[in-house]
Amino acid sequence: MLATSALSMPQDRPEEEEEGPPAEGEEAAEEEEDNTVEISTPYGMLKGLTVEDEEDDFTQYRFLGIPYAQAPVGRLRFKDPVPLRPWTGVRNATEFGSSCLQVGPSVTAVPSRTS
C-alpha cells in the first residue's frame, strides 16, 4: 500500500558561475519552471513535487496526501483497511490530504497508576 513519502537523491551538478542580472523576460520564465514529477505505481500515475536544496546539493521528491487504503465509509466503516483500487489518469500528490476530525479535550499526558 502507498503512503506519503519524500525521497532524497544527491545530484551531480557542476559549479554554477556568477551571472549578472537576468535579461528582461528571463526572470518570468524561471518562475514558471515546472517543479513537478510524475511516477508510475502499481495503482496508477502520481504527480508529486521536486524541491531543490542547493545548499546540501540534493533534490527531494515529495508525494503528499496519498491514501494507503480505501476510505472507511459505508460498509467499510469500522472494518480493517481495504487496499486501494487502481485509478486512471494522474493523481495529484502535491498537497497534503484532509486532517482527521478531532473532537473532545486534548490529551497531553497519561495519568500514572498508583497502587
PDB file of N, CA and C in Angstrom:
ATOM      1  N   MET A   1       0.831  -1.181   0.000  1.00  0.00           N
ATOM      2  CA  MET A   1       0.000   0.000   0.000  1.00  0.00           C
ATOM      3  C   MET A   1       0.873   1.241   0.000  1.00  0.00           C
ATOM      4  N   LEU A   2       0.340   2.338  -0.479  1.00  0.00           N
ATOM      5  CA  LEU A   2       1.104   3.568  -0.604  1.00  0.00           C
ATOM      6  C   LEU A   2       0.948   4.427   0.633  1.00  0.00           C
ATOM      7  N   ALA A   3       1.920   5.235   0.893  1.00  0.00           N
ATOM      8  CA  ALA A   3       1.862   6.194   1.993  1.00  0.00           C
ATOM      9  C   ALA A   3       2.574   7.458   1.547  1.00  0.00           C
ATOM     10  N   THR A   4       2.361   8.543   2.257  1.00  0.00           N
ATOM     11  CA  THR A   4       3.031   9.793   1.932  1.00  0.00           C
ATOM     12  C   THR A   4       4.527   9.605   2.119  1.00  0.00           C
ATOM     13  N   SER A   5       5.313  10.107   1.157  1.00  0.00           N
ATOM     14  CA  SER A   5       6.753   9.916   1.262  1.00  0.00           C
ATOM     15  C   SER A   5       7.499  11.087   0.658  1.00  0.00           C
ATOM     16  N   ALA A   6       8.752  11.206   1.045  1.00  0.00           N
ATOM     17  CA  ALA A   6       9.657  12.175   0.438  1.00  0.00           C
ATOM     18  C   ALA A   6      10.972  11.447   0.202  1.00  0.00           C
ATOM     19  N   LEU A   7      11.465  11.472  -1.018  1.00  0.00           N
ATOM     20  CA  LEU A   7      12.706  10.802  -1.377  1.00  0.00           C
ATOM     21  C   LEU A   7      13.779  11.836  -1.633  1.00  0.00           C
ATOM     22  N   SER A   8      15.001  11.538  -1.245  1.00  0.00           N
ATOM     23  CA  SER A   8      16.107  12.451  -1.499  1.00  0.00           C
ATOM     24  C   SER A   8      17.150  11.735  -2.333  1.00  0.00           C
ATOM     25  N   MET A   9      17.682  12.452  -3.317  1.00  0.00           N
ATOM     26  CA  MET A   9      18.706  11.890  -4.177  1.00  0.00           C
ATOM     27  C   MET A   9      19.777  12.940  -4.419  1.00  0.00           C
ATOM     28  N   PRO A  10      21.068  12.594  -4.211  1.00  0.00           N
ATOM     29  CA  PRO A  10      22.128  13.570  -4.477  1.00  0.00           C
ATOM     30  C   PRO A  10      22.199  13.876  -5.968  1.00  0.00           C
ATOM     31  N   GLN A  11      22.624  15.063  -6.276  1.00  0.00           N
ATOM     32  CA  GLN A  11      22.736  15.499  -7.659  1.00  0.00           C
ATOM     33  C   GLN A  11      24.192  15.812  -7.980  1.00  0.00           C
ATOM     34  N   ASP A  12      24.646  15.385  -9.144  1.00  0.00           N
ATOM     35  CA  ASP A  12      25.969  15.753  -9.630  1.00  0.00           C
ATOM     36  C   ASP A  12      25.787  16.956 -10.536  1.00  0.00           C
ATOM     37  N   ARG A  13      26.075  18.140 -10.000  1.00  0.00           N
ATOM     38  CA  ARG A  13      25.927  19.364 -10.782  1.00  0.00           C
ATOM     39  C   ARG A  13      27.247  20.102 -10.776  1.00  0.00           C
ATOM     40  N   PRO A  14      27.622  20.640 -11.925  1.00  0.00           N
ATOM     41  CA  PRO A  14      28.852  21.443 -11.953  1.00  0.00           C
ATOM     42  C   PRO A  14      28.621  22.746 -11.200  1.00  0.00           C
ATOM     43  N   GLU A  15      29.699  23.306 -10.700  1.00  0.00           N
ATOM     44  CA  GLU A  15      29.605  24.596 -10.016  1.00  0.00           C
ATOM     45  C   GLU A  15      29.055  25.629 -10.969  1.00  0.00           C
ATOM     46  N   GLU A  16      28.074  26.393 -10.512  1.00  0.00           N
ATOM     47  CA  GLU A  16      27.485  27.421 -11.354  1.00  0.00           C
ATOM     48  C   GLU A  16      28.271  28.707 -11.201  1.00  0.00           C
ATOM     49  N   GLU A  17      28.460  29.396 -12.323  1.00  0.00           N
ATOM     50  CA  GLU A  17      29.184  30.652 -12.300  1.00  0.00           C
ATOM     51  C   GLU A  17      28.241  31.776 -11.937  1.00  0.00           C
ATOM     52  N   GLU A  18      28.795  32.823 -11.331  1.00  0.00           N
ATOM     53  CA  GLU A  18      28.004  34.017 -11.011  1.00  0.00           C
ATOM     54  C   GLU A  18      27.548  34.643 -12.301  1.00  0.00           C
ATOM     55  N   GLU A  19      26.276  34.990 -12.369  1.00  0.00           N
ATOM     56  CA  GLU A  19      25.747  35.646 -13.548  1.00  0.00           C
ATOM     57  C   GLU A  19      25.256  37.024 -13.167  1.00  0.00           C
ATOM     58  N   GLY A  20      25.173  37.890 -14.122  1.00  0.00           N
ATOM     59  CA  GLY A  20      24.632  39.219 -13.903  1.00  0.00           C
ATOM     60  C   GLY A  20      23.125  39.144 -13.754  1.00  0.00           C
ATOM     61  N   PRO A  21      22.494  40.304 -13.666  1.00  0.00           N
ATOM     62  CA  PRO A  21      21.032  40.305 -13.544  1.00  0.00           C
ATOM     63  C   PRO A  21      20.394  39.685 -14.783  1.00  0.00           C
ATOM     64  N   PRO A  22      19.227  39.021 -14.621  1.00  0.00           N
ATOM     65  CA  PRO A  22      18.599  38.373 -15.767  1.00  0.00           C
ATOM     66  C   PRO A  22      18.128  39.388 -16.795  1.00  0.00           C
ATOM     67  N   ALA A  23      18.179  38.988 -18.038  1.00  0.00           N
ATOM     68  CA  ALA A  23      17.679  39.840 -19.117  1.00  0.00           C
ATOM     69  C   ALA A  23      16.170  39.949 -18.986  1.00  0.00           C
ATOM     70  N   GLU A  24      15.589  40.965 -19.600  1.00  0.00           N
ATOM     71  CA  GLU A  24      14.156  41.179 -19.498  1.00  0.00           C
ATOM     72  C   GLU A  24      13.408  39.950 -20.019  1.00  0.00           C
ATOM     73  N   GLY A  25      12.461  39.442 -19.242  1.00  0.00           N
ATOM     74  CA  GLY A  25      11.681  38.275 -19.644  1.00  0.00           C
ATOM     75  C   GLY A  25      12.231  36.967 -19.116  1.00  0.00           C
ATOM     76  N   GLU A  26      13.536  36.893 -18.792  1.00  0.00           N
ATOM     77  CA  GLU A  26      14.118  35.655 -18.277  1.00  0.00           C
ATOM     78  C   GLU A  26      13.610  35.334 -16.882  1.00  0.00           C
ATOM     79  N   GLU A  27      13.446  36.326 -16.024  1.00  0.00           N
ATOM     80  CA  GLU A  27      13.006  36.111 -14.653  1.00  0.00           C
ATOM     81  C   GLU A  27      11.626  35.474 -14.632  1.00  0.00           C
ATOM     82  N   ALA A  28      10.713  35.940 -15.457  1.00  0.00           N
ATOM     83  CA  ALA A  28       9.365  35.391 -15.517  1.00  0.00           C
ATOM     84  C   ALA A  28       9.403  33.941 -15.977  1.00  0.00           C
ATOM     85  N   ALA A  29      10.272  33.619 -16.915  1.00  0.00           N
ATOM     86  CA  ALA A  29      10.372  32.246 -17.406  1.00  0.00           C
ATOM     87  C   ALA A  29      10.844  31.317 -16.303  1.00  0.00           C
ATOM     88  N   GLU A  30      11.778  31.775 -15.457  1.00  0.00           N
ATOM     89  CA  GLU A  30      12.263  30.945 -14.361  1.00  0.00           C
ATOM     90  C   GLU A  30      11.163  30.679 -13.347  1.00  0.00           C
ATOM     91  N   GLU A  31      10.303  31.664 -13.072  1.00  0.00           N
ATOM     92  CA  GLU A  31       9.233  31.490 -12.105  1.00  0.00           C
ATOM     93  C   GLU A  31       8.213  30.469 -12.581  1.00  0.00           C
ATOM     94  N   GLU A  32       8.034  30.322 -13.885  1.00  0.00           N
ATOM     95  CA  GLU A  32       7.070  29.387 -14.439  1.00  0.00           C
ATOM     96  C   GLU A  32       7.648  27.979 -14.572  1.00  0.00           C
ATOM     97  N   GLU A  33       8.904  27.794 -14.195  1.00  0.00           N
ATOM     98  CA  GLU A  33       9.555  26.499 -14.318  1.00  0.00           C
ATOM     99  C   GLU A  33       8.755  25.435 -13.577  1.00  0.00           C
ATOM    100  N   ASP A  34       8.538  24.296 -14.218  1.00  0.00           N
ATOM    101  CA  ASP A  34       7.741  23.216 -13.642  1.00  0.00           C
ATOM    102  C   ASP A  34       8.564  22.479 -12.590  1.00  0.00           C
ATOM    103  N   ASN A  35       8.036  22.398 -11.382  1.00  0.00           N
ATOM    104  CA  ASN A  35       8.741  21.702 -10.305  1.00  0.00           C
ATOM    105  C   ASN A  35       7.979  20.447  -9.902  1.00  0.00           C
ATOM    106  N   THR A  36       7.311  19.806 -10.869  1.00  0.00           N
ATOM    107  CA  THR A  36       6.578  18.583 -10.580  1.00  0.00           C
ATOM    108  C   THR A  36       7.249  17.405 -11.254  1.00  0.00           C
ATOM    109  N   VAL A  37       6.914  16.215 -10.764  1.00  0.00           N
ATOM    110  CA  VAL A  37       7.442  14.978 -11.320  1.00  0.00           C
ATOM    111  C   VAL A  37       6.301  13.967 -11.327  1.00  0.00           C
ATOM    112  N   GLU A  38       6.263  13.111 -12.335  1.00  0.00           N
ATOM    113  CA  GLU A  38       5.252  12.060 -12.400  1.00  0.00           C
ATOM    114  C   GLU A  38       5.939  10.709 -12.345  1.00  0.00           C
ATOM    115  N   ILE A  39       5.346   9.795 -11.566  1.00  0.00           N
ATOM    116  CA  ILE A  39       5.868   8.439 -11.471  1.00  0.00           C
ATOM    117  C   ILE A  39       4.719   7.460 -11.663  1.00  0.00           C
ATOM    118  N   SER A  40       5.067   6.253 -12.028  1.00  0.00           N
ATOM    119  CA  SER A  40       4.082   5.192 -12.202  1.00  0.00           C
ATOM    120  C   SER A  40       4.151   4.264 -10.995  1.00  0.00           C
ATOM    121  N   THR A  41       2.992   3.904 -10.447  1.00  0.00           N
ATOM    122  CA  THR A  41       2.914   2.959  -9.332  1.00  0.00           C
ATOM    123  C   THR A  41       2.008   1.808  -9.764  1.00  0.00           C
ATOM    124  N   PRO A  42       1.943   0.728  -9.002  1.00  0.00           N
ATOM    125  CA  PRO A  42       1.018  -0.355  -9.346  1.00  0.00           C
ATOM    126  C   PRO A  42      -0.450   0.102  -9.352  1.00  0.00           C
ATOM    127  N   TYR A  43      -0.733   1.226  -8.704  1.00  0.00           N
ATOM    128  CA  TYR A  43      -2.113   1.719  -8.618  1.00  0.00           C
ATOM    129  C   TYR A  43      -2.436   2.748  -9.688  1.00  0.00           C
ATOM    130  N   GLY A  44      -1.449   3.390 -10.275  1.00  0.00           N
ATOM    131  CA  GLY A  44      -1.643   4.410 -11.290  1.00  0.00           C
ATOM    132  C   GLY A  44      -0.542   5.450 -11.220  1.00  0.00           C
ATOM    133  N   MET A  45      -0.707   6.512 -11.979  1.00  0.00           N
ATOM    134  CA  MET A  45       0.288   7.586 -12.038  1.00  0.00           C
ATOM    135  C   MET A  45       0.096   8.571 -10.885  1.00  0.00           C
ATOM    136  N   LEU A  46       1.219   9.095 -10.368  1.00  0.00           N
ATOM    137  CA  LEU A  46       1.207  10.112  -9.316  1.00  0.00           C
ATOM    138  C   LEU A  46       1.979  11.334  -9.789  1.00  0.00           C
ATOM    139  N   LYS A  47       1.455  12.504  -9.460  1.00  0.00           N
ATOM    140  CA  LYS A  47       2.146  13.760  -9.736  1.00  0.00           C
ATOM    141  C   LYS A  47       2.605  14.321  -8.399  1.00  0.00           C
ATOM    142  N   GLY A  48       3.914  14.466  -8.218  1.00  0.00           N
ATOM    143  CA  GLY A  48       4.492  14.982  -6.983  1.00  0.00           C
ATOM    144  C   GLY A  48       5.316  16.221  -7.243  1.00  0.00           C
ATOM    145  N   LEU A  49       6.052  16.632  -6.236  1.00  0.00           N
ATOM    146  CA  LEU A  49       6.862  17.848  -6.295  1.00  0.00           C
ATOM    147  C   LEU A  49       8.346  17.506  -6.243  1.00  0.00           C
ATOM    148  N   THR A  50       9.167  18.333  -6.880  1.00  0.00           N
ATOM    149  CA  THR A  50      10.610  18.264  -6.706  1.00  0.00           C
ATOM    150  C   THR A  50      11.038  19.537  -5.994  1.00  0.00           C
ATOM    151  N   VAL A  51      11.884  19.381  -4.988  1.00  0.00           N
ATOM    152  CA  VAL A  51      12.389  20.522  -4.226  1.00  0.00           C
ATOM    153  C   VAL A  51      13.907  20.443  -4.258  1.00  0.00           C
ATOM    154  N   GLU A  52      14.522  21.468  -4.809  1.00  0.00           N
ATOM    155  CA  GLU A  52      15.982  21.525  -4.903  1.00  0.00           C
ATOM    156  C   GLU A  52      16.554  22.131  -3.638  1.00  0.00           C
ATOM    157  N   ASP A  53      17.527  21.473  -3.029  1.00  0.00           N
ATOM    158  CA  ASP A  53      18.260  22.022  -1.886  1.00  0.00           C
ATOM    159  C   ASP A  53      19.665  22.299  -2.372  1.00  0.00           C
ATOM    160  N   GLU A  54      19.883  23.545  -2.773  1.00  0.00           N
ATOM    161  CA  GLU A  54      21.174  23.901  -3.353  1.00  0.00           C
ATOM    162  C   GLU A  54      22.286  23.926  -2.316  1.00  0.00           C
ATOM    163  N   GLU A  55      21.944  24.219  -1.060  1.00  0.00           N
ATOM    164  CA  GLU A  55      22.966  24.264  -0.011  1.00  0.00           C
ATOM    165  C   GLU A  55      23.580  22.891   0.215  1.00  0.00           C
ATOM    166  N   ASP A  56      22.745  21.842   0.291  1.00  0.00           N
ATOM    167  CA  ASP A  56      23.240  20.480   0.513  1.00  0.00           C
ATOM    168  C   ASP A  56      23.347  19.686  -0.781  1.00  0.00           C
ATOM    169  N   ASP A  57      23.022  20.316  -1.926  1.00  0.00           N
ATOM    170  CA  ASP A  57      23.187  19.723  -3.243  1.00  0.00           C
ATOM    171  C   ASP A  57      22.418  18.409  -3.402  1.00  0.00           C
ATOM    172  N   PHE A  58      21.100  18.438  -3.181  1.00  0.00           N
ATOM    173  CA  PHE A  58      20.277  17.273  -3.461  1.00  0.00           C
ATOM    174  C   PHE A  58      18.876  17.708  -3.867  1.00  0.00           C
ATOM    175  N   THR A  59      18.169  16.787  -4.502  1.00  0.00           N
ATOM    176  CA  THR A  59      16.786  17.010  -4.904  1.00  0.00           C
ATOM    177  C   THR A  59      15.903  16.115  -4.074  1.00  0.00           C
ATOM    178  N   GLN A  60      14.808  16.673  -3.580  1.00  0.00           N
ATOM    179  CA  GLN A  60      13.849  15.902  -2.794  1.00  0.00           C
ATOM    180  C   GLN A  60      12.583  15.742  -3.626  1.00  0.00           C
ATOM    181  N   TYR A  61      12.060  14.527  -3.698  1.00  0.00           N
ATOM    182  CA  TYR A  61      10.827  14.237  -4.415  1.00  0.00           C
ATOM    183  C   TYR A  61       9.742  14.016  -3.371  1.00  0.00           C
ATOM    184  N   ARG A  62       8.660  14.802  -3.441  1.00  0.00           N
ATOM    185  CA  ARG A  62       7.594  14.729  -2.434  1.00  0.00           C
ATOM    186  C   ARG A  62       6.291  14.284  -3.083  1.00  0.00           C
ATOM    187  N   PHE A  63       5.689  13.269  -2.483  1.00  0.00           N
ATOM    188  CA  PHE A  63       4.384  12.776  -2.910  1.00  0.00           C
ATOM    189  C   PHE A  63       3.498  12.812  -1.662  1.00  0.00           C
ATOM    190  N   LEU A  64       2.553  13.751  -1.640  1.00  0.00           N
ATOM    191  CA  LEU A  64       1.780  14.052  -0.443  1.00  0.00           C
ATOM    192  C   LEU A  64       0.326  13.612  -0.587  1.00  0.00           C
ATOM    193  N   GLY A  65      -0.292  13.313   0.557  1.00  0.00           N
ATOM    194  CA  GLY A  65      -1.720  13.035   0.586  1.00  0.00           C
ATOM    195  C   GLY A  65      -2.132  11.764  -0.133  1.00  0.00           C
ATOM    196  N   ILE A  66      -1.254  10.776  -0.190  1.00  0.00           N
ATOM    197  CA  ILE A  66      -1.587   9.527  -0.869  1.00  0.00           C
ATOM    198  C   ILE A  66      -2.294   8.611   0.129  1.00  0.00           C
ATOM    199  N   PRO A  67      -3.508   8.179  -0.160  1.00  0.00           N
ATOM    200  CA  PRO A  67      -4.194   7.283   0.771  1.00  0.00           C
ATOM    201  C   PRO A  67      -3.525   5.907   0.779  1.00  0.00           C
ATOM    202  N   TYR A  68      -3.547   5.251   1.917  1.00  0.00           N
ATOM    203  CA  TYR A  68      -2.963   3.919   1.999  1.00  0.00           C
ATOM    204  C   TYR A  68      -4.031   2.843   1.876  1.00  0.00           C
ATOM    205  N   ALA A  69      -5.312   3.248   1.893  1.00  0.00           N
ATOM    206  CA  ALA A  69      -6.422   2.306   1.781  1.00  0.00           C
ATOM    207  C   ALA A  69      -7.651   3.062   1.299  1.00  0.00           C
ATOM    208  N   GLN A  70      -8.693   2.296   0.946  1.00  0.00           N
ATOM    209  CA  GLN A  70      -9.948   2.929   0.559  1.00  0.00           C
ATOM    210  C   GLN A  70     -10.542   3.658   1.763  1.00  0.00           C
ATOM    211  N   ALA A  71     -11.306   4.691   1.510  1.00  0.00           N
ATOM    212  CA  ALA A  71     -11.923   5.464   2.594  1.00  0.00           C
ATOM    213  C   ALA A  71     -12.869   4.566   3.395  1.00  0.00           C
ATOM    214  N   PRO A  72     -12.820   4.648   4.731  1.00  0.00           N
ATOM    215  CA  PRO A  72     -13.658   3.792   5.581  1.00  0.00           C
ATOM    216  C   PRO A  72     -15.079   4.345   5.722  1.00  0.00           C
ATOM    217  N   VAL A  73     -15.826   4.318   4.639  1.00  0.00           N
ATOM    218  CA  VAL A  73     -17.205   4.801   4.666  1.00  0.00           C
ATOM    219  C   VAL A  73     -18.141   3.672   4.250  1.00  0.00           C
ATOM    220  N   GLY A  74     -19.416   3.820   4.590  1.00  0.00           N
ATOM    221  CA  GLY A  74     -20.407   2.813   4.223  1.00  0.00           C
ATOM    222  C   GLY A  74     -20.085   1.463   4.831  1.00  0.00           C
ATOM    223  N   ARG A  75     -20.077   0.424   3.997  1.00  0.00           N
ATOM    224  CA  ARG A  75     -19.851  -0.945   4.506  1.00  0.00           C
ATOM    225  C   ARG A  75     -18.427  -1.152   5.012  1.00  0.00           C
ATOM    226  N   LEU A  76     -17.494  -0.225   4.706  1.00  0.00           N
ATOM    227  CA  LEU A  76     -16.106  -0.349   5.166  1.00  0.00           C
ATOM    228  C   LEU A  76     -15.885   0.272   6.547  1.00  0.00           C
ATOM    229  N   ARG A  77     -16.876   0.981   7.072  1.00  0.00           N
ATOM    230  CA  ARG A  77     -16.726   1.655   8.366  1.00  0.00           C
ATOM    231  C   ARG A  77     -16.483   0.627   9.473  1.00  0.00           C
ATOM    232  N   PHE A  78     -15.514   0.887  10.320  1.00  0.00           N
ATOM    233  CA  PHE A  78     -15.126   0.042  11.453  1.00  0.00           C
ATOM    234  C   PHE A  78     -14.619  -1.336  11.021  1.00  0.00           C
ATOM    235  N   LYS A  79     -14.128  -1.443   9.804  1.00  0.00           N
ATOM    236  CA  LYS A  79     -13.543  -2.686   9.294  1.00  0.00           C
ATOM    237  C   LYS A  79     -12.041  -2.474   9.087  1.00  0.00           C
ATOM    238  N   ASP A  80     -11.330  -3.570   8.869  1.00  0.00           N
ATOM    239  CA  ASP A  80      -9.906  -3.471   8.545  1.00  0.00           C
ATOM    240  C   ASP A  80      -9.735  -2.702   7.235  1.00  0.00           C
ATOM    241  N   PRO A  81      -8.582  -2.030   7.067  1.00  0.00           N
ATOM    242  CA  PRO A  81      -8.345  -1.286   5.823  1.00  0.00           C
ATOM    243  C   PRO A  81      -8.444  -2.192   4.593  1.00  0.00           C
ATOM    244  N   VAL A  82      -8.996  -1.648   3.515  1.00  0.00           N
ATOM    245  CA  VAL A  82      -9.121  -2.365   2.250  1.00  0.00           C
ATOM    246  C   VAL A  82      -8.166  -1.686   1.266  1.00  0.00           C
ATOM    247  N   PRO A  83      -7.313  -2.472   0.574  1.00  0.00           N
ATOM    248  CA  PRO A  83      -6.347  -1.873  -0.351  1.00  0.00           C
ATOM    249  C   PRO A  83      -7.026  -0.971  -1.383  1.00  0.00           C
ATOM    250  N   LEU A  84      -6.265   0.005  -1.846  1.00  0.00           N
ATOM    251  CA  LEU A  84      -6.745   0.905  -2.894  1.00  0.00           C
ATOM    252  C   LEU A  84      -7.051   0.134  -4.170  1.00  0.00           C
ATOM    253  N   ARG A  85      -7.973   0.666  -4.946  1.00  0.00           N
ATOM    254  CA  ARG A  85      -8.202   0.155  -6.291  1.00  0.00           C
ATOM    255  C   ARG A  85      -7.365   1.014  -7.235  1.00  0.00           C
ATOM    256  N   PRO A  86      -6.837   0.419  -8.298  1.00  0.00           N
ATOM    257  CA  PRO A  86      -6.072   1.232  -9.255  1.00  0.00           C
ATOM    258  C   PRO A  86      -6.941   2.357  -9.823  1.00  0.00           C
ATOM    259  N   TRP A  87      -6.298   3.495 -10.149  1.00  0.00           N
ATOM    260  CA  TRP A  87      -7.014   4.625 -10.717  1.00  0.00           C
ATOM    261  C   TRP A  87      -6.502   4.888 -12.122  1.00  0.00           C
ATOM    262  N   THR A  88      -7.297   5.639 -12.872  1.00  0.00           N
ATOM    263  CA  THR A  88      -6.884   6.036 -14.209  1.00  0.00           C
ATOM    264  C   THR A  88      -6.490   7.504 -14.161  1.00  0.00           C
ATOM    265  N   GLY A  89      -5.691   7.936 -15.090  1.00  0.00           N
ATOM    266  CA  GLY A  89      -5.230   9.316 -15.090  1.00  0.00           C
ATOM    267  C   GLY A  89      -4.096   9.509 -14.103  1.00  0.00           C
ATOM    268  N   VAL A  90      -3.794  10.769 -13.817  1.00  0.00           N
ATOM    269  CA  VAL A  90      -2.700  11.119 -12.913  1.00  0.00           C
ATOM    270  C   VAL A  90      -3.295  11.684 -11.632  1.00  0.00           C
ATOM    271  N   ARG A  91      -2.976  11.060 -10.497  1.00  0.00           N
ATOM    272  CA  ARG A  91      -3.465  11.515  -9.196  1.00  0.00           C
ATOM    273  C   ARG A  91      -2.545  12.615  -8.672  1.00  0.00           C
ATOM    274  N   ASN A  92      -3.132  13.739  -8.276  1.00  0.00           N
ATOM    275  CA  ASN A  92      -2.362  14.868  -7.758  1.00  0.00           C
ATOM    276  C   ASN A  92      -1.876  14.561  -6.342  1.00  0.00           C
ATOM    277  N   ALA A  93      -0.567  14.506  -6.156  1.00  0.00           N
ATOM    278  CA  ALA A  93       0.027  14.252  -4.843  1.00  0.00           C
ATOM    279  C   ALA A  93       0.949  15.409  -4.469  1.00  0.00           C
ATOM    280  N   THR A  94       0.505  16.647  -4.767  1.00  0.00           N
ATOM    281  CA  THR A  94       1.314  17.833  -4.486  1.00  0.00           C
ATOM    282  C   THR A  94       0.861  18.561  -3.230  1.00  0.00           C
ATOM    283  N   GLU A  95      -0.223  18.092  -2.579  1.00  0.00           N
ATOM    284  CA  GLU A  95      -0.722  18.723  -1.352  1.00  0.00           C
ATOM    285  C   GLU A  95      -1.111  17.650  -0.351  1.00  0.00           C
ATOM    286  N   PHE A  96      -1.045  17.999   0.935  1.00  0.00           N
ATOM    287  CA  PHE A  96      -1.490  17.081   1.972  1.00  0.00           C
ATOM    288  C   PHE A  96      -2.996  16.889   1.863  1.00  0.00           C
ATOM    289  N   GLY A  97      -3.487  15.733   2.286  1.00  0.00           N
ATOM    290  CA  GLY A  97      -4.917  15.469   2.305  1.00  0.00           C
ATOM    291  C   GLY A  97      -5.566  16.130   3.517  1.00  0.00           C
ATOM    292  N   SER A  98      -6.851  15.895   3.677  1.00  0.00           N
ATOM    293  CA  SER A  98      -7.596  16.460   4.800  1.00  0.00           C
ATOM    294  C   SER A  98      -7.115  15.865   6.120  1.00  0.00           C
ATOM    295  N   SER A  99      -7.194  16.658   7.179  1.00  0.00           N
ATOM    296  CA  SER A  99      -6.850  16.175   8.511  1.00  0.00           C
ATOM    297  C   SER A  99      -8.029  15.417   9.095  1.00  0.00           C
ATOM    298  N   CYS A 100      -7.737  14.499   9.998  1.00  0.00           N
ATOM    299  CA  CYS A 100      -8.793  13.775  10.698  1.00  0.00           C
ATOM    300  C   CYS A 100      -9.465  14.708  11.694  1.00  0.00           C
ATOM    301  N   LEU A 101     -10.763  14.567  11.833  1.00  0.00           N
ATOM    302  CA  LEU A 101     -11.518  15.354  12.790  1.00  0.00           C
ATOM    303  C   LEU A 101     -11.183  14.886  14.200  1.00  0.00           C
ATOM    304  N   GLN A 102     -10.858  15.815  15.072  1.00  0.00           N
ATOM    305  CA  GLN A 102     -10.552  15.502  16.466  1.00  0.00           C
ATOM    306  C   GLN A 102     -11.550  16.246  17.337  1.00  0.00           C
ATOM    307  N   VAL A 103     -12.351  15.517  18.098  1.00  0.00           N
ATOM    308  CA  VAL A 103     -13.366  16.118  18.952  1.00  0.00           C
ATOM    309  C   VAL A 103     -13.069  15.747  20.398  1.00  0.00           C
ATOM    310  N   GLY A 104     -13.296  16.693  21.303  1.00  0.00           N
ATOM    311  CA  GLY A 104     -13.117  16.409  22.719  1.00  0.00           C
ATOM    312  C   GLY A 104     -11.874  17.073  23.256  1.00  0.00           C
ATOM    313  N   PRO A 105     -11.650  16.864  24.560  1.00  0.00           N
ATOM    314  CA  PRO A 105     -10.479  17.502  25.185  1.00  0.00           C
ATOM    315  C   PRO A 105      -9.190  16.893  24.643  1.00  0.00           C
ATOM    316  N   SER A 106      -8.174  17.712  24.589  1.00  0.00           N
ATOM    317  CA  SER A 106      -6.898  17.199  24.118  1.00  0.00           C
ATOM    318  C   SER A 106      -6.214  16.450  25.251  1.00  0.00           C
ATOM    319  N   VAL A 107      -5.579  15.365  24.918  1.00  0.00           N
ATOM    320  CA  VAL A 107      -4.872  14.546  25.904  1.00  0.00           C
ATOM    321  C   VAL A 107      -3.400  14.896  25.806  1.00  0.00           C
ATOM    322  N   THR A 108      -2.830  15.404  26.901  1.00  0.00           N
ATOM    323  CA  THR A 108      -1.424  15.775  26.882  1.00  0.00           C
ATOM    324  C   THR A 108      -0.556  14.810  27.668  1.00  0.00           C
ATOM    325  N   ALA A 109      -1.164  14.083  28.585  1.00  0.00           N
ATOM    326  CA  ALA A 109      -0.380  13.136  29.380  1.00  0.00           C
ATOM    327  C   ALA A 109      -1.293  12.005  29.835  1.00  0.00           C
ATOM    328  N   VAL A 110      -0.712  10.843  29.997  1.00  0.00           N
ATOM    329  CA  VAL A 110      -1.458   9.701  30.509  1.00  0.00           C
ATOM    330  C   VAL A 110      -1.228   9.653  32.012  1.00  0.00           C
ATOM    331  N   PRO A 111      -2.321   9.656  32.791  1.00  0.00           N
ATOM    332  CA  PRO A 111      -2.124   9.611  34.250  1.00  0.00           C
ATOM    333  C   PRO A 111      -1.462   8.314  34.667  1.00  0.00           C
ATOM    334  N   SER A 112      -0.601   8.396  35.637  1.00  0.00           N
ATOM    335  CA  SER A 112       0.080   7.178  36.114  1.00  0.00           C
ATOM    336  C   SER A 112      -0.807   6.478  37.120  1.00  0.00           C
ATOM    337  N   ARG A 113      -0.671   5.174  37.157  1.00  0.00           N
ATOM    338  CA  ARG A 113      -1.431   4.353  38.118  1.00  0.00           C
ATOM    339  C   ARG A 113      -0.648   4.237  39.406  1.00  0.00           C
ATOM    340  N   THR A 114      -1.322   4.442  40.487  1.00  0.00           N
ATOM    341  CA  THR A 114      -0.658   4.244  41.777  1.00  0.00           C
ATOM    342  C   THR A 114      -1.318   3.090  42.494  1.00  0.00           C
ATOM    343  N   SER A 115      -0.543   2.304  43.206  1.00  0.00           N
ATOM    344  CA  SER A 115      -1.093   1.143  43.908  1.00  0.00           C
ATOM    345  C   SER A 115      -1.384   1.464  45.338  1.00  0.00           C
TER     346      SER A 115
END
